[in-house]
Amino acid sequence: MKKKPITYTDLSKEQLEHLKEIYIQKKVECMSQKELKEFVLEIISHQINNTIGKEEEIEAWTEISKFYGDQFETLILEIQQKFANNENVQNFEENSKEHRLELLEKNNIEQSKQDMWDD
């Protein structure tokens, strides 16, 4: 008769929690410095970038502001200035594109008028 495999349901809640703790400790001990950094990067990135809703966004904002401390406001001002410059360039490009499209449309209309008389 084949032996039935052990599953998590065979353990009590305390036994399962203890198994998980042993696994976590052993897993971390076996990871290299590079693996640990990659893992932490993935976790923090997920925590900060994948916020859903106002409460999680506030938690991320609080964590970031605490990390930067006194330099946080300066960092925010630098980011706002950088993106303001980018927005100015983007607005200029959009206005130029719109102007070119208007000229093309106007030119097409004028050509249509001329073609009508040429017939």
PDB file of N, CA and C in Angstrom:
ATOM      1  N   MET A   1       0.835  -1.178   0.000  1.00  0.00           N
ATOM      2  CA  MET A   1       0.000   0.000   0.000  1.00  0.00           C
ATOM      3  C   MET A   1       0.883   1.246   0.000  1.00  0.00           C
ATOM      4  N   LYS A   2       0.513   2.204  -0.858  1.00  0.00           N
ATOM      5  CA  LYS A   2       1.278   3.426  -1.006  1.00  0.00           C
ATOM      6  C   LYS A   2       1.005   4.362   0.167  1.00  0.00           C
ATOM      7  N   LYS A   3       2.087   4.971   0.669  1.00  0.00           N
ATOM      8  CA  LYS A   3       1.972   5.871   1.804  1.00  0.00           C
ATOM      9  C   LYS A   3       1.378   7.198   1.360  1.00  0.00           C
ATOM     10  N   LYS A   4       0.438   7.712   2.130  1.00  0.00           N
ATOM     11  CA  LYS A   4      -0.220   8.973   1.826  1.00  0.00           C
ATOM     12  C   LYS A   4       0.761  10.125   2.117  1.00  0.00           C
ATOM     13  N   PRO A   5       0.922  11.072   1.137  1.00  0.00           N
ATOM     14  CA  PRO A   5       1.837  12.192   1.389  1.00  0.00           C
ATOM     15  C   PRO A   5       1.300  13.135   2.465  1.00  0.00           C
ATOM     16  N   ILE A   6       2.221  13.713   3.189  1.00  0.00           N
ATOM     17  CA  ILE A   6       1.846  14.660   4.247  1.00  0.00           C
ATOM     18  C   ILE A   6       1.498  15.995   3.595  1.00  0.00           C
ATOM     19  N   THR A   7       0.426  16.619   4.079  1.00  0.00           N
ATOM     20  CA  THR A   7       0.031  17.941   3.588  1.00  0.00           C
ATOM     21  C   THR A   7      -0.089  18.889   4.774  1.00  0.00           C
ATOM     22  N   TYR A   8      -0.281  20.161   4.460  1.00  0.00           N
ATOM     23  CA  TYR A   8      -0.373  21.168   5.522  1.00  0.00           C
ATOM     24  C   TYR A   8      -1.566  20.906   6.451  1.00  0.00           C
ATOM     25  N   THR A   9      -2.574  20.219   5.962  1.00  0.00           N
ATOM     26  CA  THR A   9      -3.747  19.944   6.796  1.00  0.00           C
ATOM     27  C   THR A   9      -3.445  18.924   7.892  1.00  0.00           C
ATOM     28  N   ASP A  10      -2.322  18.228   7.768  1.00  0.00           N
ATOM     29  CA  ASP A  10      -1.926  17.256   8.793  1.00  0.00           C
ATOM     30  C   ASP A  10      -1.299  17.932  10.007  1.00  0.00           C
ATOM     31  N   LEU A  11      -1.009  19.213   9.909  1.00  0.00           N
ATOM     32  CA  LEU A  11      -0.367  19.936  11.007  1.00  0.00           C
ATOM     33  C   LEU A  11      -1.375  20.835  11.725  1.00  0.00           C
ATOM     34  N   SER A  12      -1.101  21.080  12.994  1.00  0.00           N
ATOM     35  CA  SER A  12      -1.925  22.041  13.726  1.00  0.00           C
ATOM     36  C   SER A  12      -1.510  23.446  13.284  1.00  0.00           C
ATOM     37  N   LYS A  13      -2.281  24.421  13.675  1.00  0.00           N
ATOM     38  CA  LYS A  13      -1.974  25.800  13.298  1.00  0.00           C
ATOM     39  C   LYS A  13      -0.593  26.202  13.829  1.00  0.00           C
ATOM     40  N   GLU A  14      -0.300  25.849  15.061  1.00  0.00           N
ATOM     41  CA  GLU A  14       1.000  26.186  15.664  1.00  0.00           C
ATOM     42  C   GLU A  14       2.146  25.478  14.952  1.00  0.00           C
ATOM     43  N   GLN A  15       1.952  24.220  14.613  1.00  0.00           N
ATOM     44  CA  GLN A  15       2.980  23.449  13.909  1.00  0.00           C
ATOM     45  C   GLN A  15       3.252  24.050  12.524  1.00  0.00           C
ATOM     46  N   LEU A  16       2.185  24.426  11.819  1.00  0.00           N
ATOM     47  CA  LEU A  16       2.327  25.025  10.497  1.00  0.00           C
ATOM     48  C   LEU A  16       3.051  26.372  10.589  1.00  0.00           C
ATOM     49  N   GLU A  17       2.700  27.190  11.567  1.00  0.00           N
ATOM     50  CA  GLU A  17       3.376  28.478  11.762  1.00  0.00           C
ATOM     51  C   GLU A  17       4.855  28.271  12.063  1.00  0.00           C
ATOM     52  N   HIS A  18       5.179  27.277  12.884  1.00  0.00           N
ATOM     53  CA  HIS A  18       6.572  26.989  13.216  1.00  0.00           C
ATOM     54  C   HIS A  18       7.338  26.527  11.978  1.00  0.00           C
ATOM     55  N   LEU A  19       6.732  25.662  11.170  1.00  0.00           N
ATOM     56  CA  LEU A  19       7.351  25.220   9.921  1.00  0.00           C
ATOM     57  C   LEU A  19       7.654  26.416   9.021  1.00  0.00           C
ATOM     58  N   LYS A  20       6.703  27.327   8.893  1.00  0.00           N
ATOM     59  CA  LYS A  20       6.890  28.515   8.056  1.00  0.00           C
ATOM     60  C   LYS A  20       8.047  29.370   8.581  1.00  0.00           C
ATOM     61  N   GLU A  21       8.133  29.554   9.884  1.00  0.00           N
ATOM     62  CA  GLU A  21       9.221  30.352  10.471  1.00  0.00           C
ATOM     63  C   GLU A  21      10.583  29.711  10.215  1.00  0.00           C
ATOM     64  N   ILE A  22      10.659  28.393  10.379  1.00  0.00           N
ATOM     65  CA  ILE A  22      11.908  27.678  10.106  1.00  0.00           C
ATOM     66  C   ILE A  22      12.303  27.866   8.641  1.00  0.00           C
ATOM     67  N   TYR A  23      11.331  27.722   7.747  1.00  0.00           N
ATOM     68  CA  TYR A  23      11.589  27.892   6.313  1.00  0.00           C
ATOM     69  C   TYR A  23      12.098  29.300   6.018  1.00  0.00           C
ATOM     70  N   ILE A  24      11.438  30.303   6.562  1.00  0.00           N
ATOM     71  CA  ILE A  24      11.833  31.696   6.301  1.00  0.00           C
ATOM     72  C   ILE A  24      13.267  31.935   6.746  1.00  0.00           C
ATOM     73  N   GLN A  25      13.597  31.502   7.956  1.00  0.00           N
ATOM     74  CA  GLN A  25      14.952  31.694   8.467  1.00  0.00           C
ATOM     75  C   GLN A  25      15.981  30.995   7.582  1.00  0.00           C
ATOM     76  N   LYS A  26      15.719  29.757   7.228  1.00  0.00           N
ATOM     77  CA  LYS A  26      16.659  28.979   6.418  1.00  0.00           C
ATOM     78  C   LYS A  26      16.790  29.575   5.017  1.00  0.00           C
ATOM     79  N   LYS A  27      15.667  29.995   4.437  1.00  0.00           N
ATOM     80  CA  LYS A  27      15.669  30.583   3.091  1.00  0.00           C
ATOM     81  C   LYS A  27      16.534  31.844   3.072  1.00  0.00           C
ATOM     82  N   VAL A  28      16.366  32.724   4.057  1.00  0.00           N
ATOM     83  CA  VAL A  28      17.144  33.962   4.118  1.00  0.00           C
ATOM     84  C   VAL A  28      18.624  33.650   4.327  1.00  0.00           C
ATOM     85  N   GLU A  29      18.932  32.703   5.190  1.00  0.00           N
ATOM     86  CA  GLU A  29      20.327  32.330   5.438  1.00  0.00           C
ATOM     87  C   GLU A  29      21.005  31.796   4.185  1.00  0.00           C
ATOM     88  N   CYS A  30      20.259  31.112   3.335  1.00  0.00           N
ATOM     89  CA  CYS A  30      20.830  30.505   2.133  1.00  0.00           C
ATOM     90  C   CYS A  30      20.974  31.482   0.966  1.00  0.00           C
ATOM     91  N   MET A  31      20.358  32.640   1.064  1.00  0.00           N
ATOM     92  CA  MET A  31      20.398  33.605  -0.047  1.00  0.00           C
ATOM     93  C   MET A  31      21.719  34.376  -0.030  1.00  0.00           C
ATOM     94  N   SER A  32      22.244  34.623  -1.218  1.00  0.00           N
ATOM     95  CA  SER A  32      23.456  35.436  -1.338  1.00  0.00           C
ATOM     96  C   SER A  32      23.089  36.901  -1.140  1.00  0.00           C
ATOM     97  N   GLN A  33      24.117  37.737  -0.999  1.00  0.00           N
ATOM     98  CA  GLN A  33      23.897  39.175  -0.856  1.00  0.00           C
ATOM     99  C   GLN A  33      23.141  39.731  -2.062  1.00  0.00           C
ATOM    100  N   LYS A  34      23.507  39.281  -3.245  1.00  0.00           N
ATOM    101  CA  LYS A  34      22.848  39.734  -4.474  1.00  0.00           C
ATOM    102  C   LYS A  34      21.380  39.320  -4.488  1.00  0.00           C
ATOM    103  N   GLU A  35      21.126  38.060  -4.126  1.00  0.00           N
ATOM    104  CA  GLU A  35      19.744  37.576  -4.089  1.00  0.00           C
ATOM    105  C   GLU A  35      18.904  38.352  -3.076  1.00  0.00           C
ATOM    106  N   LEU A  36      19.492  38.647  -1.924  1.00  0.00           N
ATOM    107  CA  LEU A  36      18.777  39.420  -0.901  1.00  0.00           C
ATOM    108  C   LEU A  36      18.422  40.812  -1.406  1.00  0.00           C
ATOM    109  N   LYS A  37      19.384  41.477  -2.064  1.00  0.00           N
ATOM    110  CA  LYS A  37      19.133  42.814  -2.600  1.00  0.00           C
ATOM    111  C   LYS A  37      18.044  42.786  -3.664  1.00  0.00           C
ATOM    112  N   GLU A  38      18.098  41.800  -4.555  1.00  0.00           N
ATOM    113  CA  GLU A  38      17.083  41.684  -5.608  1.00  0.00           C
ATOM    114  C   GLU A  38      15.699  41.437  -5.015  1.00  0.00           C
ATOM    115  N   PHE A  39      15.661  40.596  -3.993  1.00  0.00           N
ATOM    116  CA  PHE A  39      14.398  40.273  -3.344  1.00  0.00           C
ATOM    117  C   PHE A  39      13.809  41.502  -2.654  1.00  0.00           C
ATOM    118  N   VAL A  40      14.643  42.211  -1.917  1.00  0.00           N
ATOM    119  CA  VAL A  40      14.184  43.411  -1.220  1.00  0.00           C
ATOM    120  C   VAL A  40      13.744  44.469  -2.222  1.00  0.00           C
ATOM    121  N   LEU A  41      14.487  44.629  -3.305  1.00  0.00           N
ATOM    122  CA  LEU A  41      14.113  45.584  -4.352  1.00  0.00           C
ATOM    123  C   LEU A  41      12.734  45.253  -4.913  1.00  0.00           C
ATOM    124  N   GLU A  42      12.497  43.982  -5.175  1.00  0.00           N
ATOM    125  CA  GLU A  42      11.206  43.553  -5.711  1.00  0.00           C
ATOM    126  C   GLU A  42      10.073  43.848  -4.722  1.00  0.00           C
ATOM    127  N   ILE A  43      10.292  43.556  -3.461  1.00  0.00           N
ATOM    128  CA  ILE A  43       9.261  43.768  -2.437  1.00  0.00           C
ATOM    129  C   ILE A  43       8.964  45.254  -2.267  1.00  0.00           C
ATOM    130  N   ILE A  44      10.012  46.073  -2.120  1.00  0.00           N
ATOM    131  CA  ILE A  44       9.804  47.506  -1.929  1.00  0.00           C
ATOM    132  C   ILE A  44       9.174  48.126  -3.174  1.00  0.00           C
ATOM    133  N   SER A  45       9.624  47.725  -4.336  1.00  0.00           N
ATOM    134  CA  SER A  45       9.059  48.234  -5.576  1.00  0.00           C
ATOM    135  C   SER A  45       7.568  47.918  -5.656  1.00  0.00           C
ATOM    136  N   HIS A  46       7.218  46.704  -5.332  1.00  0.00           N
ATOM    137  CA  HIS A  46       5.809  46.309  -5.354  1.00  0.00           C
ATOM    138  C   HIS A  46       5.011  47.128  -4.333  1.00  0.00           C
ATOM    139  N   GLN A  47       5.575  47.305  -3.139  1.00  0.00           N
ATOM    140  CA  GLN A  47       4.916  48.046  -2.074  1.00  0.00           C
ATOM    141  C   GLN A  47       4.648  49.495  -2.469  1.00  0.00           C
ATOM    142  N   ILE A  48       5.612  50.137  -3.100  1.00  0.00           N
ATOM    143  CA  ILE A  48       5.511  51.557  -3.408  1.00  0.00           C
ATOM    144  C   ILE A  48       4.800  51.801  -4.738  1.00  0.00           C
ATOM    145  N   ASN A  49       5.145  51.053  -5.766  1.00  0.00           N
ATOM    146  CA  ASN A  49       4.595  51.311  -7.107  1.00  0.00           C
ATOM    147  C   ASN A  49       3.198  50.760  -7.329  1.00  0.00           C
ATOM    148  N   ASN A  50       2.818  49.736  -6.602  1.00  0.00           N
ATOM    149  CA  ASN A  50       1.522  49.113  -6.847  1.00  0.00           C
ATOM    150  C   ASN A  50       0.493  49.508  -5.791  1.00  0.00           C
ATOM    151  N   THR A  51       0.515  50.776  -5.402  1.00  0.00           N
ATOM    152  CA  THR A  51      -0.462  51.239  -4.425  1.00  0.00           C
ATOM    153  C   THR A  51      -1.829  51.331  -5.086  1.00  0.00           C
ATOM    154  N   ILE A  52      -2.836  50.958  -4.318  1.00  0.00           N
ATOM    155  CA  ILE A  52      -4.211  51.001  -4.808  1.00  0.00           C
ATOM    156  C   ILE A  52      -5.023  51.800  -3.797  1.00  0.00           C
ATOM    157  N   GLY A  53      -5.575  52.880  -4.260  1.00  0.00           N
ATOM    158  CA  GLY A  53      -6.438  53.680  -3.393  1.00  0.00           C
ATOM    159  C   GLY A  53      -5.688  54.718  -2.592  1.00  0.00           C
ATOM    160  N   LYS A  54      -6.450  55.594  -2.016  1.00  0.00           N
ATOM    161  CA  LYS A  54      -5.917  56.745  -1.290  1.00  0.00           C
ATOM    162  C   LYS A  54      -5.110  56.340  -0.055  1.00  0.00           C
ATOM    163  N   GLU A  55      -5.601  55.359   0.701  1.00  0.00           N
ATOM    164  CA  GLU A  55      -4.920  54.955   1.933  1.00  0.00           C
ATOM    165  C   GLU A  55      -3.525  54.405   1.650  1.00  0.00           C
ATOM    166  N   GLU A  56      -3.403  53.530   0.653  1.00  0.00           N
ATOM    167  CA  GLU A  56      -2.092  52.968   0.324  1.00  0.00           C
ATOM    168  C   GLU A  56      -1.167  54.036  -0.234  1.00  0.00           C
ATOM    169  N   GLU A  57      -1.722  54.974  -1.003  1.00  0.00           N
ATOM    170  CA  GLU A  57      -0.905  56.068  -1.550  1.00  0.00           C
ATOM    171  C   GLU A  57      -0.370  56.938  -0.412  1.00  0.00           C
ATOM    172  N   ILE A  58      -1.193  57.177   0.594  1.00  0.00           N
ATOM    173  CA  ILE A  58      -0.767  57.960   1.763  1.00  0.00           C
ATOM    174  C   ILE A  58       0.321  57.218   2.528  1.00  0.00           C
ATOM    175  N   GLU A  59       0.175  55.900   2.675  1.00  0.00           N
ATOM    176  CA  GLU A  59       1.203  55.100   3.354  1.00  0.00           C
ATOM    177  C   GLU A  59       2.530  55.179   2.612  1.00  0.00           C
ATOM    178  N   ALA A  60       2.492  55.058   1.287  1.00  0.00           N
ATOM    179  CA  ALA A  60       3.716  55.140   0.480  1.00  0.00           C
ATOM    180  C   ALA A  60       4.327  56.528   0.618  1.00  0.00           C
ATOM    181  N   TRP A  61       3.499  57.571   0.547  1.00  0.00           N
ATOM    182  CA  TRP A  61       3.972  58.956   0.672  1.00  0.00           C
ATOM    183  C   TRP A  61       4.657  59.155   2.023  1.00  0.00           C
ATOM    184  N   THR A  62       4.047  58.645   3.088  1.00  0.00           N
ATOM    185  CA  THR A  62       4.601  58.773   4.435  1.00  0.00           C
ATOM    186  C   THR A  62       5.945  58.062   4.534  1.00  0.00           C
ATOM    187  N   GLU A  63       6.011  56.859   3.990  1.00  0.00           N
ATOM    188  CA  GLU A  63       7.269  56.097   4.024  1.00  0.00           C
ATOM    189  C   GLU A  63       8.378  56.829   3.272  1.00  0.00           C
ATOM    190  N   ILE A  64       8.051  57.357   2.096  1.00  0.00           N
ATOM    191  CA  ILE A  64       9.047  58.077   1.290  1.00  0.00           C
ATOM    192  C   ILE A  64       9.497  59.340   2.012  1.00  0.00           C
ATOM    193  N   SER A  65       8.546  60.080   2.574  1.00  0.00           N
ATOM    194  CA  SER A  65       8.901  61.340   3.252  1.00  0.00           C
ATOM    195  C   SER A  65       9.762  61.082   4.482  1.00  0.00           C
ATOM    196  N   LYS A  66       9.470  60.016   5.221  1.00  0.00           N
ATOM    197  CA  LYS A  66      10.300  59.672   6.388  1.00  0.00           C
ATOM    198  C   LYS A  66      11.706  59.280   5.954  1.00  0.00           C
ATOM    199  N   PHE A  67      11.818  58.555   4.843  1.00  0.00           N
ATOM    200  CA  PHE A  67      13.119  58.114   4.345  1.00  0.00           C
ATOM    201  C   PHE A  67      14.004  59.316   3.991  1.00  0.00           C
ATOM    202  N   TYR A  68      13.426  60.305   3.292  1.00  0.00           N
ATOM    203  CA  TYR A  68      14.208  61.470   2.865  1.00  0.00           C
ATOM    204  C   TYR A  68      14.329  62.542   3.940  1.00  0.00           C
ATOM    205  N   GLY A  69      13.462  62.524   4.918  1.00  0.00           N
ATOM    206  CA  GLY A  69      13.555  63.461   6.031  1.00  0.00           C
ATOM    207  C   GLY A  69      13.535  64.911   5.585  1.00  0.00           C
ATOM    208  N   ASP A  70      14.558  65.666   6.017  1.00  0.00           N
ATOM    209  CA  ASP A  70      14.632  67.105   5.724  1.00  0.00           C
ATOM    210  C   ASP A  70      14.813  67.397   4.234  1.00  0.00           C
ATOM    211  N   GLN A  71      15.346  66.464   3.483  1.00  0.00           N
ATOM    212  CA  GLN A  71      15.582  66.688   2.053  1.00  0.00           C
ATOM    213  C   GLN A  71      14.330  66.419   1.201  1.00  0.00           C
ATOM    214  N   PHE A  72      13.256  65.947   1.827  1.00  0.00           N
ATOM    215  CA  PHE A  72      12.070  65.554   1.066  1.00  0.00           C
ATOM    216  C   PHE A  72      11.460  66.725   0.296  1.00  0.00           C
ATOM    217  N   GLU A  73      11.298  67.857   0.959  1.00  0.00           N
ATOM    218  CA  GLU A  73      10.689  69.013   0.296  1.00  0.00           C
ATOM    219  C   GLU A  73      11.550  69.487  -0.870  1.00  0.00           C
ATOM    220  N   THR A  74      12.870  69.500  -0.685  1.00  0.00           N
ATOM    221  CA  THR A  74      13.782  69.900  -1.758  1.00  0.00           C
ATOM    222  C   THR A  74      13.646  68.947  -2.945  1.00  0.00           C
ATOM    223  N   LEU A  75      13.572  67.664  -2.663  1.00  0.00           N
ATOM    224  CA  LEU A  75      13.416  66.659  -3.720  1.00  0.00           C
ATOM    225  C   LEU A  75      12.116  66.888  -4.490  1.00  0.00           C
ATOM    226  N   ILE A  76      11.043  67.156  -3.778  1.00  0.00           N
ATOM    227  CA  ILE A  76       9.739  67.397  -4.421  1.00  0.00           C
ATOM    228  C   ILE A  76       9.831  68.614  -5.340  1.00  0.00           C
ATOM    229  N   LEU A  77      10.455  69.700  -4.861  1.00  0.00           N
ATOM    230  CA  LEU A  77      10.594  70.910  -5.676  1.00  0.00           C
ATOM    231  C   LEU A  77      11.414  70.632  -6.938  1.00  0.00           C
ATOM    232  N   GLU A  78      12.488  69.845  -6.810  1.00  0.00           N
ATOM    233  CA  GLU A  78      13.311  69.490  -7.969  1.00  0.00           C
ATOM    234  C   GLU A  78      12.499  68.688  -8.990  1.00  0.00           C
ATOM    235  N   ILE A  79      11.706  67.753  -8.499  1.00  0.00           N
ATOM    236  CA  ILE A  79      10.887  66.921  -9.394  1.00  0.00           C
ATOM    237  C   ILE A  79       9.850  67.788 -10.108  1.00  0.00           C
ATOM    238  N   GLN A  80       9.203  68.674  -9.350  1.00  0.00           N
ATOM    239  CA  GLN A  80       8.199  69.551  -9.960  1.00  0.00           C
ATOM    240  C   GLN A  80       8.826  70.435 -11.032  1.00  0.00           C
ATOM    241  N   GLN A  81      10.004  70.962 -10.748  1.00  0.00           N
ATOM    242  CA  GLN A  81      10.688  71.822 -11.720  1.00  0.00           C
ATOM    243  C   GLN A  81      11.072  71.017 -12.966  1.00  0.00           C
ATOM    244  N   LYS A  82      11.594  69.814 -12.765  1.00  0.00           N
ATOM    245  CA  LYS A  82      11.991  68.971 -13.894  1.00  0.00           C
ATOM    246  C   LYS A  82      10.797  68.681 -14.796  1.00  0.00           C
ATOM    247  N   PHE A  83       9.680  68.326 -14.208  1.00  0.00           N
ATOM    248  CA  PHE A  83       8.511  67.990 -15.003  1.00  0.00           C
ATOM    249  C   PHE A  83       7.842  69.220 -15.588  1.00  0.00           C
ATOM    250  N   ALA A  84       8.000  70.362 -14.939  1.00  0.00           N
ATOM    251  CA  ALA A  84       7.475  71.604 -15.519  1.00  0.00           C
ATOM    252  C   ALA A  84       8.234  71.905 -16.802  1.00  0.00           C
ATOM    253  N   ASN A  85       9.563  71.713 -16.784  1.00  0.00           N
ATOM    254  CA  ASN A  85      10.372  71.916 -17.993  1.00  0.00           C
ATOM    255  C   ASN A  85       9.949  70.941 -19.084  1.00  0.00           C
ATOM    256  N   ASN A  86       9.732  69.684 -18.717  1.00  0.00           N
ATOM    257  CA  ASN A  86       9.299  68.675 -19.692  1.00  0.00           C
ATOM    258  C   ASN A  86       7.935  69.025 -20.269  1.00  0.00           C
ATOM    259  N   GLU A  87       7.043  69.538 -19.424  1.00  0.00           N
ATOM    260  CA  GLU A  87       5.704  69.912 -19.888  1.00  0.00           C
ATOM    261  C   GLU A  87       5.783  71.086 -20.857  1.00  0.00           C
ATOM    262  N   ASN A  88       6.694  72.033 -20.588  1.00  0.00           N
ATOM    263  CA  ASN A  88       6.853  73.175 -21.491  1.00  0.00           C
ATOM    264  C   ASN A  88       7.314  72.705 -22.871  1.00  0.00           C
ATOM    265  N   VAL A  89       8.276  71.803 -22.896  1.00  0.00           N
ATOM    266  CA  VAL A  89       8.778  71.264 -24.164  1.00  0.00           C
ATOM    267  C   VAL A  89       7.664  70.499 -24.868  1.00  0.00           C
ATOM    268  N   GLN A  90       6.928  69.694 -24.114  1.00  0.00           N
ATOM    269  CA  GLN A  90       5.852  68.898 -24.693  1.00  0.00           C
ATOM    270  C   GLN A  90       4.754  69.815 -25.244  1.00  0.00           C
ATOM    271  N   ASN A  91       4.402  70.863 -24.501  1.00  0.00           N
ATOM    272  CA  ASN A  91       3.389  71.809 -24.982  1.00  0.00           C
ATOM    273  C   ASN A  91       3.844  72.490 -26.265  1.00  0.00           C
ATOM    274  N   PHE A  92       5.132  72.863 -26.326  1.00  0.00           N
ATOM    275  CA  PHE A  92       5.668  73.497 -27.526  1.00  0.00           C
ATOM    276  C   PHE A  92       5.571  72.538 -28.716  1.00  0.00           C
ATOM    277  N   GLU A  93       5.950  71.269 -28.480  1.00  0.00           N
ATOM    278  CA  GLU A  93       5.895  70.270 -29.547  1.00  0.00           C
ATOM    279  C   GLU A  93       4.457  70.040 -30.006  1.00  0.00           C
ATOM    280  N   GLU A  94       3.520  69.983 -29.058  1.00  0.00           N
ATOM    281  CA  GLU A  94       2.119  69.781 -29.414  1.00  0.00           C
ATOM    282  C   GLU A  94       1.591  70.978 -30.199  1.00  0.00           C
ATOM    283  N   ASN A  95       1.952  72.194 -29.773  1.00  0.00           N
ATOM    284  CA  ASN A  95       1.506  73.387 -30.486  1.00  0.00           C
ATOM    285  C   ASN A  95       2.085  73.424 -31.896  1.00  0.00           C
ATOM    286  N   SER A  96       3.359  73.050 -32.035  1.00  0.00           N
ATOM    287  CA  SER A  96       3.989  73.010 -33.351  1.00  0.00           C
ATOM    288  C   SER A  96       3.293  71.992 -34.244  1.00  0.00           C
ATOM    289  N   LYS A  97       2.977  70.852 -33.690  1.00  0.00           N
ATOM    290  CA  LYS A  97       2.305  69.797 -34.458  1.00  0.00           C
ATOM    291  C   LYS A  97       0.927  70.287 -34.903  1.00  0.00           C
ATOM    292  N   GLU A  98       0.190  70.894 -33.980  1.00  0.00           N
ATOM    293  CA  GLU A  98      -1.134  71.409 -34.332  1.00  0.00           C
ATOM    294  C   GLU A  98      -1.032  72.461 -35.430  1.00  0.00           C
ATOM    295  N   HIS A  99      -0.041  73.330 -35.313  1.00  0.00           N
ATOM    296  CA  HIS A  99       0.153  74.382 -36.320  1.00  0.00           C
ATOM    297  C   HIS A  99       0.447  73.766 -37.693  1.00  0.00           C
ATOM    298  N   ARG A 100       1.317  72.748 -37.726  1.00  0.00           N
ATOM    299  CA  ARG A 100       1.640  72.075 -38.986  1.00  0.00           C
ATOM    300  C   ARG A 100       0.412  71.397 -39.588  1.00  0.00           C
ATOM    301  N   LEU A 101      -0.401  70.765 -38.732  1.00  0.00           N
ATOM    302  CA  LEU A 101      -1.617  70.111 -39.219  1.00  0.00           C
ATOM    303  C   LEU A 101      -2.604  71.130 -39.783  1.00  0.00           C
ATOM    304  N   GLU A 102      -2.705  72.268 -39.119  1.00  0.00           N
ATOM    305  CA  GLU A 102      -3.586  73.329 -39.626  1.00  0.00           C
ATOM    306  C   GLU A 102      -3.114  73.826 -40.992  1.00  0.00           C
ATOM    307  N   LEU A 103      -1.794  74.006 -41.117  1.00  0.00           N
ATOM    308  CA  LEU A 103      -1.252  74.456 -42.407  1.00  0.00           C
ATOM    309  C   LEU A 103      -1.504  73.425 -43.499  1.00  0.00           C
ATOM    310  N   LEU A 104      -1.311  72.153 -43.189  1.00  0.00           N
ATOM    311  CA  LEU A 104      -1.570  71.090 -44.167  1.00  0.00           C
ATOM    312  C   LEU A 104      -3.043  71.073 -44.578  1.00  0.00           C
ATOM    313  N   GLU A 105      -3.914  71.193 -43.608  1.00  0.00           N
ATOM    314  CA  GLU A 105      -5.345  71.191 -43.908  1.00  0.00           C
ATOM    315  C   GLU A 105      -5.721  72.399 -44.771  1.00  0.00           C
ATOM    316  N   LYS A 106      -5.180  73.551 -44.416  1.00  0.00           N
ATOM    317  CA  LYS A 106      -5.445  74.778 -45.184  1.00  0.00           C
ATOM    318  C   LYS A 106      -4.925  74.619 -46.617  1.00  0.00           C
ATOM    319  N   ASN A 107      -3.728  74.059 -46.753  1.00  0.00           N
ATOM    320  CA  ASN A 107      -3.124  73.825 -48.066  1.00  0.00           C
ATOM    321  C   ASN A 107      -3.981  72.857 -48.888  1.00  0.00           C
ATOM    322  N   ASN A 108      -4.471  71.792 -48.239  1.00  0.00           N
ATOM    323  CA  ASN A 108      -5.332  70.827 -48.936  1.00  0.00           C
ATOM    324  C   ASN A 108      -6.624  71.483 -49.422  1.00  0.00           C
ATOM    325  N   ILE A 109      -7.198  72.346 -48.608  1.00  0.00           N
ATOM    326  CA  ILE A 109      -8.431  73.042 -48.995  1.00  0.00           C
ATOM    327  C   ILE A 109      -8.167  73.944 -50.191  1.00  0.00           C
ATOM    328  N   GLU A 110      -7.047  74.666 -50.149  1.00  0.00           N
ATOM    329  CA  GLU A 110      -6.702  75.560 -51.263  1.00  0.00           C
ATOM    330  C   GLU A 110      -6.459  74.776 -52.543  1.00  0.00           C
ATOM    331  N   GLN A 111      -5.798  73.631 -52.435  1.00  0.00           N
ATOM    332  CA  GLN A 111      -5.565  72.795 -53.617  1.00  0.00           C
ATOM    333  C   GLN A 111      -6.878  72.263 -54.169  1.00  0.00           C
ATOM    334  N   SER A 112      -7.807  71.921 -53.298  1.00  0.00           N
ATOM    335  CA  SER A 112      -9.113  71.439 -53.746  1.00  0.00           C
ATOM    336  C   SER A 112      -9.843  72.519 -54.521  1.00  0.00           C
ATOM    337  N   LYS A 113      -9.759  73.760 -54.048  1.00  0.00           N
ATOM    338  CA  LYS A 113     -10.402  74.875 -54.732  1.00  0.00           C
ATOM    339  C   LYS A 113      -9.775  75.085 -56.108  1.00  0.00           C
ATOM    340  N   GLN A 114      -8.459  75.016 -56.180  1.00  0.00           N
ATOM    341  CA  GLN A 114      -7.765  75.213 -57.453  1.00  0.00           C
ATOM    342  C   GLN A 114      -8.096  74.082 -58.413  1.00  0.00           C
ATOM    343  N   ASP A 115      -8.155  72.854 -57.920  1.00  0.00           N
ATOM    344  CA  ASP A 115      -8.446  71.715 -58.782  1.00  0.00           C
ATOM    345  C   ASP A 115      -9.855  71.836 -59.369  1.00  0.00           C
ATOM    346  N   MET A 116     -10.776  72.360 -58.591  1.00  0.00           N
ATOM    347  CA  MET A 116     -12.136  72.502 -59.070  1.00  0.00           C
ATOM    348  C   MET A 116     -12.209  73.439 -60.268  1.00  0.00           C
ATOM    349  N   TRP A 117     -11.407  74.505 -60.263  1.00  0.00           N
ATOM    350  CA  TRP A 117     -11.414  75.474 -61.357  1.00  0.00           C
ATOM    351  C   TRP A 117     -10.645  74.963 -62.564  1.00  0.00           C
ATOM    352  N   ASP A 118      -9.695  74.071 -62.292  1.00  0.00           N
ATOM    353  CA  ASP A 118      -8.890  73.549 -63.412  1.00  0.00           C
ATOM    354  C   ASP A 118      -9.698  72.640 -64.334  1.00  0.00           C
ATOM    355  N   ASP A 119     -10.745  72.064 -63.886  1.00  0.00           N
ATOM    356  CA  ASP A 119     -11.529  71.107 -64.681  1.00  0.00           C
ATOM    357  C   ASP A 119     -12.111  71.723 -65.867  1.00  0.00           C
TER     358      ASP A 119
END
